[in-house]
Amino acid sequence: LRLSCVASGTIFSFSAMAWHRQAPGKRRELVAT
């Protein structure tokens, strides 16, 4: 699968991006930055 995330505004290029995930019954975890 390929996930996409589009950000509005003008700060994207100056920001760090990340993906997190949360499985049922578990804490949210960092996947990639």
Full PDB file with SEQRES, HELIX, SHEET, SSBOND, CRYST1, ORIGX, SCALE, CONECT and MASTER records, all heavy atoms in Angstrom:
SEQRES   1 A   33  LEU ARG LEU SER CYS VAL ALA SER GLY THR ILE PHE SER          
SEQRES   2 A   33  PHE SER ALA MET ALA TRP HIS ARG GLN ALA PRO GLY LYS          
SEQRES   3 A   33  ARG ARG GLU LEU VAL ALA THR                                  
HELIX    1 AA1 PHE A   12  PHE A   14  5                                   3    
SHEET    1 AA1 2 TRP A  19  ARG A  21  0                                        
SHEET    2 AA1 2 GLU A  29  ALA A  32 -1                                        
CRYST1    1.000    1.000    1.000  90.00  90.00  90.00 P 1           1          
ORIGX1      1.000000  0.000000  0.000000        0.00000                         
ORIGX2      0.000000  1.000000  0.000000        0.00000                         
ORIGX3      0.000000  0.000000  1.000000        0.00000                         
SCALE1      1.000000  0.000000  0.000000        0.00000                         
SCALE2      0.000000  1.000000  0.000000        0.00000                         
SCALE3      0.000000  0.000000  1.000000        0.00000                         
ATOM      1  N   LEU A   1       0.848  -1.175   0.000  1.00  0.00           N  
ATOM      2  CA  LEU A   1       0.000   0.000   0.000  1.00  0.00           C  
ATOM      3  C   LEU A   1       0.890   1.233   0.000  1.00  0.00           C  
ATOM      4  O   LEU A   1       2.008   1.186   0.503  1.00  0.00           O  
ATOM      5  CB  LEU A   1      -0.911   0.049   1.227  1.00  0.00           C  
ATOM      6  CG  LEU A   1      -2.089  -0.912   1.304  1.00  0.00           C  
ATOM      7  CD1 LEU A   1      -2.716  -0.835   2.696  1.00  0.00           C  
ATOM      8  CD2 LEU A   1      -3.118  -0.589   0.237  1.00  0.00           C  
ATOM      9  N   ARG A   2       0.383   2.330  -0.539  1.00  0.00           N  
ATOM     10  CA  ARG A   2       1.071   3.602  -0.457  1.00  0.00           C  
ATOM     11  C   ARG A   2       0.155   4.638   0.163  1.00  0.00           C  
ATOM     12  O   ARG A   2      -0.918   4.930  -0.369  1.00  0.00           O  
ATOM     13  CB  ARG A   2       1.548   4.104  -1.823  1.00  0.00           C  
ATOM     14  CG  ARG A   2       2.484   5.316  -1.694  1.00  0.00           C  
ATOM     15  CD  ARG A   2       3.009   5.815  -3.021  1.00  0.00           C  
ATOM     16  NE  ARG A   2       2.019   6.604  -3.742  1.00  0.00           N  
ATOM     17  CZ  ARG A   2       2.317   7.527  -4.653  1.00  0.00           C  
ATOM     18  NH1 ARG A   2       3.598   7.765  -4.959  1.00  0.00           N  
ATOM     19  NH2 ARG A   2       1.356   8.183  -5.274  1.00  0.00           N  
ATOM     20  N   LEU A   3       0.575   5.191   1.281  1.00  0.00           N  
ATOM     21  CA  LEU A   3      -0.160   6.239   1.956  1.00  0.00           C  
ATOM     22  C   LEU A   3       0.349   7.595   1.501  1.00  0.00           C  
ATOM     23  O   LEU A   3       1.541   7.776   1.259  1.00  0.00           O  
ATOM     24  CB  LEU A   3      -0.009   6.126   3.472  1.00  0.00           C  
ATOM     25  CG  LEU A   3      -0.341   4.775   4.110  1.00  0.00           C  
ATOM     26  CD1 LEU A   3      -0.185   4.863   5.622  1.00  0.00           C  
ATOM     27  CD2 LEU A   3      -1.736   4.315   3.717  1.00  0.00           C  
ATOM     28  N   SER A   4      -0.565   8.555   1.409  1.00  0.00           N  
ATOM     29  CA  SER A   4      -0.219   9.919   1.049  1.00  0.00           C  
ATOM     30  C   SER A   4      -0.790  10.876   2.080  1.00  0.00           C  
ATOM     31  O   SER A   4      -1.844  10.623   2.653  1.00  0.00           O  
ATOM     32  CB  SER A   4      -0.767  10.284  -0.334  1.00  0.00           C  
ATOM     33  OG  SER A   4      -0.242   9.445  -1.337  1.00  0.00           O  
ATOM     34  N   CYS A   5      -0.098  11.977   2.282  1.00  0.00           N  
ATOM     35  CA  CYS A   5      -0.552  13.009   3.204  1.00  0.00           C  
ATOM     36  C   CYS A   5      -0.220  14.358   2.596  1.00  0.00           C  
ATOM     37  O   CYS A   5       0.960  14.666   2.376  1.00  0.00           O  
ATOM     38  CB  CYS A   5       0.115  12.848   4.571  1.00  0.00           C  
ATOM     39  SG  CYS A   5      -0.231  14.173   5.748  1.00  0.00           S  
ATOM     40  N   VAL A   6      -1.246  15.146   2.325  1.00  0.00           N  
ATOM     41  CA  VAL A   6      -1.084  16.467   1.730  1.00  0.00           C  
ATOM     42  C   VAL A   6      -1.307  17.524   2.805  1.00  0.00           C  
ATOM     43  O   VAL A   6      -2.330  17.500   3.496  1.00  0.00           O  
ATOM     44  CB  VAL A   6      -2.055  16.685   0.562  1.00  0.00           C  
ATOM     45  CG1 VAL A   6      -1.838  18.067  -0.046  1.00  0.00           C  
ATOM     46  CG2 VAL A   6      -1.866  15.609  -0.494  1.00  0.00           C  
ATOM     47  N   ALA A   7      -0.375  18.443   2.925  1.00  0.00           N  
ATOM     48  CA  ALA A   7      -0.444  19.494   3.930  1.00  0.00           C  
ATOM     49  C   ALA A   7      -0.803  20.825   3.288  1.00  0.00           C  
ATOM     50  O   ALA A   7      -0.212  21.215   2.283  1.00  0.00           O  
ATOM     51  CB  ALA A   7       0.879  19.617   4.677  1.00  0.00           C  
ATOM     52  N   SER A   8      -1.751  21.510   3.881  1.00  0.00           N  
ATOM     53  CA  SER A   8      -2.057  22.867   3.461  1.00  0.00           C  
ATOM     54  C   SER A   8      -1.095  23.840   4.128  1.00  0.00           C  
ATOM     55  O   SER A   8      -0.338  23.471   5.030  1.00  0.00           O  
ATOM     56  CB  SER A   8      -3.502  23.220   3.821  1.00  0.00           C  
ATOM     57  OG  SER A   8      -3.681  23.249   5.229  1.00  0.00           O  
ATOM     58  N   GLY A   9      -1.113  25.094   3.681  1.00  0.00           N  
ATOM     59  CA  GLY A   9      -0.263  26.102   4.285  1.00  0.00           C  
ATOM     60  C   GLY A   9       1.078  26.229   3.596  1.00  0.00           C  
ATOM     61  O   GLY A   9       1.350  25.581   2.582  1.00  0.00           O  
ATOM     62  N   THR A  10       1.945  27.043   4.187  1.00  0.00           N  
ATOM     63  CA  THR A  10       3.227  27.386   3.578  1.00  0.00           C  
ATOM     64  C   THR A  10       4.429  26.918   4.372  1.00  0.00           C  
ATOM     65  O   THR A  10       5.559  27.287   4.054  1.00  0.00           O  
ATOM     66  CB  THR A  10       3.319  28.907   3.389  1.00  0.00           C  
ATOM     67  OG1 THR A  10       3.238  29.562   4.660  1.00  0.00           O  
ATOM     68  CG2 THR A  10       2.198  29.408   2.490  1.00  0.00           C  
ATOM     69  N   ILE A  11       4.230  26.107   5.408  1.00  0.00           N  
ATOM     70  CA  ILE A  11       5.319  25.725   6.296  1.00  0.00           C  
ATOM     71  C   ILE A  11       5.860  24.328   6.029  1.00  0.00           C  
ATOM     72  O   ILE A  11       6.777  23.881   6.718  1.00  0.00           O  
ATOM     73  CB  ILE A  11       4.896  25.821   7.774  1.00  0.00           C  
ATOM     74  CG1 ILE A  11       3.804  24.799   8.091  1.00  0.00           C  
ATOM     75  CG2 ILE A  11       4.428  27.235   8.098  1.00  0.00           C  
ATOM     76  CD1 ILE A  11       3.454  24.734   9.563  1.00  0.00           C  
ATOM     77  N   PHE A  12       5.324  23.622   5.040  1.00  0.00           N  
ATOM     78  CA  PHE A  12       5.693  22.228   4.826  1.00  0.00           C  
ATOM     79  C   PHE A  12       7.196  22.064   4.626  1.00  0.00           C  
ATOM     80  O   PHE A  12       7.823  21.191   5.240  1.00  0.00           O  
ATOM     81  CB  PHE A  12       4.930  21.661   3.630  1.00  0.00           C  
ATOM     82  CG  PHE A  12       5.228  20.213   3.350  1.00  0.00           C  
ATOM     83  CD1 PHE A  12       4.497  19.214   3.964  1.00  0.00           C  
ATOM     84  CD2 PHE A  12       6.243  19.857   2.477  1.00  0.00           C  
ATOM     85  CE1 PHE A  12       4.765  17.873   3.706  1.00  0.00           C  
ATOM     86  CE2 PHE A  12       6.522  18.528   2.209  1.00  0.00           C  
ATOM     87  CZ  PHE A  12       5.775  17.535   2.836  1.00  0.00           C  
ATOM     88  N   SER A  13       7.795  22.867   3.763  1.00  0.00           N  
ATOM     89  CA  SER A  13       9.199  22.693   3.423  1.00  0.00           C  
ATOM     90  C   SER A  13      10.127  22.958   4.600  1.00  0.00           C  
ATOM     91  O   SER A  13      11.293  22.550   4.560  1.00  0.00           O  
ATOM     92  CB  SER A  13       9.579  23.595   2.248  1.00  0.00           C  
ATOM     93  OG  SER A  13       9.411  24.957   2.575  1.00  0.00           O  
ATOM     94  N   PHE A  14       9.631  23.623   5.638  1.00  0.00           N  
ATOM     95  CA  PHE A  14      10.438  23.918   6.819  1.00  0.00           C  
ATOM     96  C   PHE A  14      10.105  22.993   7.984  1.00  0.00           C  
ATOM     97  O   PHE A  14      10.518  23.259   9.114  1.00  0.00           O  
ATOM     98  CB  PHE A  14      10.234  25.375   7.243  1.00  0.00           C  
ATOM     99  CG  PHE A  14      10.579  26.367   6.172  1.00  0.00           C  
ATOM    100  CD1 PHE A  14       9.586  26.973   5.418  1.00  0.00           C  
ATOM    101  CD2 PHE A  14      11.896  26.693   5.906  1.00  0.00           C  
ATOM    102  CE1 PHE A  14       9.894  27.881   4.422  1.00  0.00           C  
ATOM    103  CE2 PHE A  14      12.230  27.603   4.917  1.00  0.00           C  
ATOM    104  CZ  PHE A  14      11.223  28.196   4.176  1.00  0.00           C  
ATOM    105  N   SER A  15       9.375  21.932   7.713  1.00  0.00           N  
ATOM    106  CA  SER A  15       8.881  21.055   8.758  1.00  0.00           C  
ATOM    107  C   SER A  15       9.377  19.635   8.571  1.00  0.00           C  
ATOM    108  O   SER A  15       9.573  19.167   7.452  1.00  0.00           O  
ATOM    109  CB  SER A  15       7.349  21.051   8.764  1.00  0.00           C  
ATOM    110  OG  SER A  15       6.828  22.355   8.923  1.00  0.00           O  
ATOM    111  N   ALA A  16       9.559  18.957   9.695  1.00  0.00           N  
ATOM    112  CA  ALA A  16       9.825  17.528   9.674  1.00  0.00           C  
ATOM    113  C   ALA A  16       8.499  16.778   9.587  1.00  0.00           C  
ATOM    114  O   ALA A  16       7.517  17.158  10.223  1.00  0.00           O  
ATOM    115  CB  ALA A  16      10.585  17.112  10.924  1.00  0.00           C  
ATOM    116  N   MET A  17       8.479  15.714   8.800  1.00  0.00           N  
ATOM    117  CA  MET A  17       7.282  14.910   8.635  1.00  0.00           C  
ATOM    118  C   MET A  17       7.507  13.521   9.202  1.00  0.00           C  
ATOM    119  O   MET A  17       8.633  13.018   9.235  1.00  0.00           O  
ATOM    120  CB  MET A  17       6.897  14.807   7.163  1.00  0.00           C  
ATOM    121  CG  MET A  17       6.637  16.145   6.490  1.00  0.00           C  
ATOM    122  SD  MET A  17       5.232  17.029   7.218  1.00  0.00           S  
ATOM    123  CE  MET A  17       3.898  15.859   6.922  1.00  0.00           C  
ATOM    124  N   ALA A  18       6.430  12.898   9.625  1.00  0.00           N  
ATOM    125  CA  ALA A  18       6.525  11.563  10.190  1.00  0.00           C  
ATOM    126  C   ALA A  18       5.222  10.813   9.997  1.00  0.00           C  
ATOM    127  O   ALA A  18       4.158  11.407   9.797  1.00  0.00           O  
ATOM    128  CB  ALA A  18       6.874  11.625  11.681  1.00  0.00           C  
ATOM    129  N   TRP A  19       5.326   9.500  10.039  1.00  0.00           N  
ATOM    130  CA  TRP A  19       4.173   8.623  10.109  1.00  0.00           C  
ATOM    131  C   TRP A  19       4.217   7.862  11.426  1.00  0.00           C  
ATOM    132  O   TRP A  19       5.265   7.337  11.816  1.00  0.00           O  
ATOM    133  CB  TRP A  19       4.157   7.621   8.949  1.00  0.00           C  
ATOM    134  CG  TRP A  19       3.840   8.224   7.621  1.00  0.00           C  
ATOM    135  CD1 TRP A  19       4.719   8.657   6.675  1.00  0.00           C  
ATOM    136  CD2 TRP A  19       2.531   8.451   7.085  1.00  0.00           C  
ATOM    137  NE1 TRP A  19       4.047   9.141   5.573  1.00  0.00           N  
ATOM    138  CE2 TRP A  19       2.698   9.025   5.803  1.00  0.00           C  
ATOM    139  CE3 TRP A  19       1.240   8.221   7.555  1.00  0.00           C  
ATOM    140  CZ2 TRP A  19       1.619   9.375   4.993  1.00  0.00           C  
ATOM    141  CZ3 TRP A  19       0.167   8.576   6.748  1.00  0.00           C  
ATOM    142  CH2 TRP A  19       0.360   9.141   5.492  1.00  0.00           C  
ATOM    143  N   HIS A  20       3.088   7.825  12.100  1.00  0.00           N  
ATOM    144  CA  HIS A  20       2.895   7.016  13.296  1.00  0.00           C  
ATOM    145  C   HIS A  20       1.777   6.016  13.036  1.00  0.00           C  
ATOM    146  O   HIS A  20       0.985   6.194  12.114  1.00  0.00           O  
ATOM    147  CB  HIS A  20       2.521   7.886  14.493  1.00  0.00           C  
ATOM    148  CG  HIS A  20       3.581   8.852  14.931  1.00  0.00           C  
ATOM    149  ND1 HIS A  20       3.923   9.961  14.199  1.00  0.00           N  
ATOM    150  CD2 HIS A  20       4.370   8.875  16.040  1.00  0.00           C  
ATOM    151  CE1 HIS A  20       4.868  10.645  14.830  1.00  0.00           C  
ATOM    152  NE2 HIS A  20       5.158   9.995  15.950  1.00  0.00           N  
ATOM    153  N   ARG A  21       1.698   4.991  13.854  1.00  0.00           N  
ATOM    154  CA  ARG A  21       0.594   4.052  13.753  1.00  0.00           C  
ATOM    155  C   ARG A  21       0.175   3.583  15.136  1.00  0.00           C  
ATOM    156  O   ARG A  21       0.956   3.611  16.080  1.00  0.00           O  
ATOM    157  CB  ARG A  21       0.955   2.847  12.882  1.00  0.00           C  
ATOM    158  CG  ARG A  21       1.998   1.914  13.480  1.00  0.00           C  
ATOM    159  CD  ARG A  21       2.393   0.834  12.489  1.00  0.00           C  
ATOM    160  NE  ARG A  21       3.383  -0.083  13.043  1.00  0.00           N  
ATOM    161  CZ  ARG A  21       4.017  -1.015  12.348  1.00  0.00           C  
ATOM    162  NH1 ARG A  21       3.751  -1.164  11.046  1.00  0.00           N  
ATOM    163  NH2 ARG A  21       4.899  -1.805  12.928  1.00  0.00           N  
ATOM    164  N   GLN A  22      -1.068   3.143  15.222  1.00  0.00           N  
ATOM    165  CA  GLN A  22      -1.608   2.658  16.478  1.00  0.00           C  
ATOM    166  C   GLN A  22      -2.476   1.439  16.211  1.00  0.00           C  
ATOM    167  O   GLN A  22      -3.492   1.533  15.523  1.00  0.00           O  
ATOM    168  CB  GLN A  22      -2.421   3.744  17.189  1.00  0.00           C  
ATOM    169  CG  GLN A  22      -2.878   3.361  18.577  1.00  0.00           C  
ATOM    170  CD  GLN A  22      -3.432   4.543  19.344  1.00  0.00           C  
ATOM    171  OE1 GLN A  22      -3.818   5.550  18.757  1.00  0.00           O  
ATOM    172  NE2 GLN A  22      -3.462   4.434  20.654  1.00  0.00           N  
ATOM    173  N   ALA A  23      -2.065   0.313  16.750  1.00  0.00           N  
ATOM    174  CA  ALA A  23      -2.838  -0.910  16.648  1.00  0.00           C  
ATOM    175  C   ALA A  23      -3.847  -0.967  17.787  1.00  0.00           C  
ATOM    176  O   ALA A  23      -3.647  -0.346  18.836  1.00  0.00           O  
ATOM    177  CB  ALA A  23      -1.920  -2.130  16.697  1.00  0.00           C  
ATOM    178  N   PRO A  24      -4.935  -1.709  17.616  1.00  0.00           N  
ATOM    179  CA  PRO A  24      -5.931  -1.816  18.688  1.00  0.00           C  
ATOM    180  C   PRO A  24      -5.312  -2.291  19.993  1.00  0.00           C  
ATOM    181  O   PRO A  24      -4.580  -3.286  20.025  1.00  0.00           O  
ATOM    182  CB  PRO A  24      -6.929  -2.838  18.139  1.00  0.00           C  
ATOM    183  CG  PRO A  24      -6.803  -2.733  16.658  1.00  0.00           C  
ATOM    184  CD  PRO A  24      -5.342  -2.465  16.412  1.00  0.00           C  
ATOM    185  N   GLY A  25      -5.580  -1.571  21.071  1.00  0.00           N  
ATOM    186  CA  GLY A  25      -5.082  -1.945  22.373  1.00  0.00           C  
ATOM    187  C   GLY A  25      -3.627  -1.624  22.627  1.00  0.00           C  
ATOM    188  O   GLY A  25      -3.100  -1.998  23.685  1.00  0.00           O  
ATOM    189  N   LYS A  26      -2.961  -0.951  21.703  1.00  0.00           N  
ATOM    190  CA  LYS A  26      -1.547  -0.632  21.847  1.00  0.00           C  
ATOM    191  C   LYS A  26      -1.325   0.870  21.765  1.00  0.00           C  
ATOM    192  O   LYS A  26      -2.170   1.616  21.270  1.00  0.00           O  
ATOM    193  CB  LYS A  26      -0.718  -1.340  20.782  1.00  0.00           C  
ATOM    194  CG  LYS A  26      -0.819  -2.851  20.806  1.00  0.00           C  
ATOM    195  CD  LYS A  26       0.025  -3.499  19.724  1.00  0.00           C  
ATOM    196  CE  LYS A  26       1.504  -3.322  19.988  1.00  0.00           C  
ATOM    197  NZ  LYS A  26       2.338  -4.046  18.981  1.00  0.00           N  
ATOM    198  N   ARG A  27      -0.179   1.314  22.274  1.00  0.00           N  
ATOM    199  CA  ARG A  27       0.187   2.715  22.200  1.00  0.00           C  
ATOM    200  C   ARG A  27       0.601   3.095  20.791  1.00  0.00           C  
ATOM    201  O   ARG A  27       1.074   2.261  20.018  1.00  0.00           O  
ATOM    202  CB  ARG A  27       1.321   3.029  23.173  1.00  0.00           C  
ATOM    203  CG  ARG A  27       0.929   3.039  24.641  1.00  0.00           C  
ATOM    204  CD  ARG A  27       2.039   3.657  25.469  1.00  0.00           C  
ATOM    205  NE  ARG A  27       1.627   3.884  26.841  1.00  0.00           N  
ATOM    206  CZ  ARG A  27       1.922   3.083  27.842  1.00  0.00           C  
ATOM    207  NH1 ARG A  27       2.650   2.002  27.638  1.00  0.00           N  
ATOM    208  NH2 ARG A  27       1.495   3.369  29.066  1.00  0.00           N  
ATOM    209  N   ARG A  28       0.420   4.361  20.470  1.00  0.00           N  
ATOM    210  CA  ARG A  28       0.858   4.867  19.191  1.00  0.00           C  
ATOM    211  C   ARG A  28       2.384   4.814  19.107  1.00  0.00           C  
ATOM    212  O   ARG A  28       3.083   5.152  20.065  1.00  0.00           O  
ATOM    213  CB  ARG A  28       0.365   6.303  18.989  1.00  0.00           C  
ATOM    214  CG  ARG A  28       0.575   6.841  17.590  1.00  0.00           C  
ATOM    215  CD  ARG A  28      -0.095   8.201  17.408  1.00  0.00           C  
ATOM    216  NE  ARG A  28      -1.532   8.131  17.626  1.00  0.00           N  
ATOM    217  CZ  ARG A  28      -2.362   9.153  17.459  1.00  0.00           C  
ATOM    218  NH1 ARG A  28      -1.898  10.331  17.053  1.00  0.00           N  
ATOM    219  NH2 ARG A  28      -3.656   9.001  17.692  1.00  0.00           N  
ATOM    220  N   GLU A  29       2.901   4.385  17.962  1.00  0.00           N  
ATOM    221  CA  GLU A  29       4.334   4.253  17.791  1.00  0.00           C  
ATOM    222  C   GLU A  29       4.800   4.982  16.545  1.00  0.00           C  
ATOM    223  O   GLU A  29       4.074   5.096  15.554  1.00  0.00           O  
ATOM    224  CB  GLU A  29       4.744   2.781  17.711  1.00  0.00           C  
ATOM    225  CG  GLU A  29       4.189   2.040  16.504  1.00  0.00           C  
ATOM    226  CD  GLU A  29       4.701   0.622  16.393  1.00  0.00           C  
ATOM    227  OE1 GLU A  29       5.720   0.299  17.035  1.00  0.00           O  
ATOM    228  OE2 GLU A  29       4.077  -0.176  15.654  1.00  0.00           O  
ATOM    229  N   LEU A  30       6.032   5.458  16.594  1.00  0.00           N  
ATOM    230  CA  LEU A  30       6.642   6.117  15.458  1.00  0.00           C  
ATOM    231  C   LEU A  30       7.073   5.079  14.436  1.00  0.00           C  
ATOM    232  O   LEU A  30       7.731   4.093  14.780  1.00  0.00           O  
ATOM    233  CB  LEU A  30       7.840   6.942  15.917  1.00  0.00           C  
ATOM    234  CG  LEU A  30       8.640   7.678  14.846  1.00  0.00           C  
ATOM    235  CD1 LEU A  30       7.785   8.743  14.171  1.00  0.00           C  
ATOM    236  CD2 LEU A  30       9.889   8.306  15.457  1.00  0.00           C  
ATOM    237  N   VAL A  31       6.731   5.309  13.172  1.00  0.00           N  
ATOM    238  CA  VAL A  31       7.059   4.392  12.094  1.00  0.00           C  
ATOM    239  C   VAL A  31       8.229   4.896  11.269  1.00  0.00           C  
ATOM    240  O   VAL A  31       9.178   4.158  10.997  1.00  0.00           O  
ATOM    241  CB  VAL A  31       5.836   4.148  11.188  1.00  0.00           C  
ATOM    242  CG1 VAL A  31       6.212   3.275   9.994  1.00  0.00           C  
ATOM    243  CG2 VAL A  31       4.710   3.498  11.986  1.00  0.00           C  
ATOM    244  N   ALA A  32       8.164   6.155  10.833  1.00  0.00           N  
ATOM    245  CA  ALA A  32       9.196   6.703   9.964  1.00  0.00           C  
ATOM    246  C   ALA A  32       9.179   8.212  10.048  1.00  0.00           C  
ATOM    247  O   ALA A  32       8.143   8.819  10.311  1.00  0.00           O  
ATOM    248  CB  ALA A  32       8.995   6.245   8.512  1.00  0.00           C  
ATOM    249  N   THR A  33      10.340   8.829   9.809  1.00  0.00           N  
ATOM    250  CA  THR A  33      10.457  10.280   9.800  1.00  0.00           C  
ATOM    251  C   THR A  33      11.197  10.736   8.554  1.00  0.00           C  
ATOM    252  O   THR A  33      12.024  10.005   8.001  1.00  0.00           O  
ATOM    253  CB  THR A  33      11.208  10.815  11.031  1.00  0.00           C  
ATOM    254  OG1 THR A  33      12.544  10.301  11.044  1.00  0.00           O  
ATOM    255  CG2 THR A  33      10.497  10.410  12.318  1.00  0.00           C  
TER     256      THR A  33                                                      
MASTER        0    0    0    1    2    0    0    6  255    1    0    3          
END                                                                             
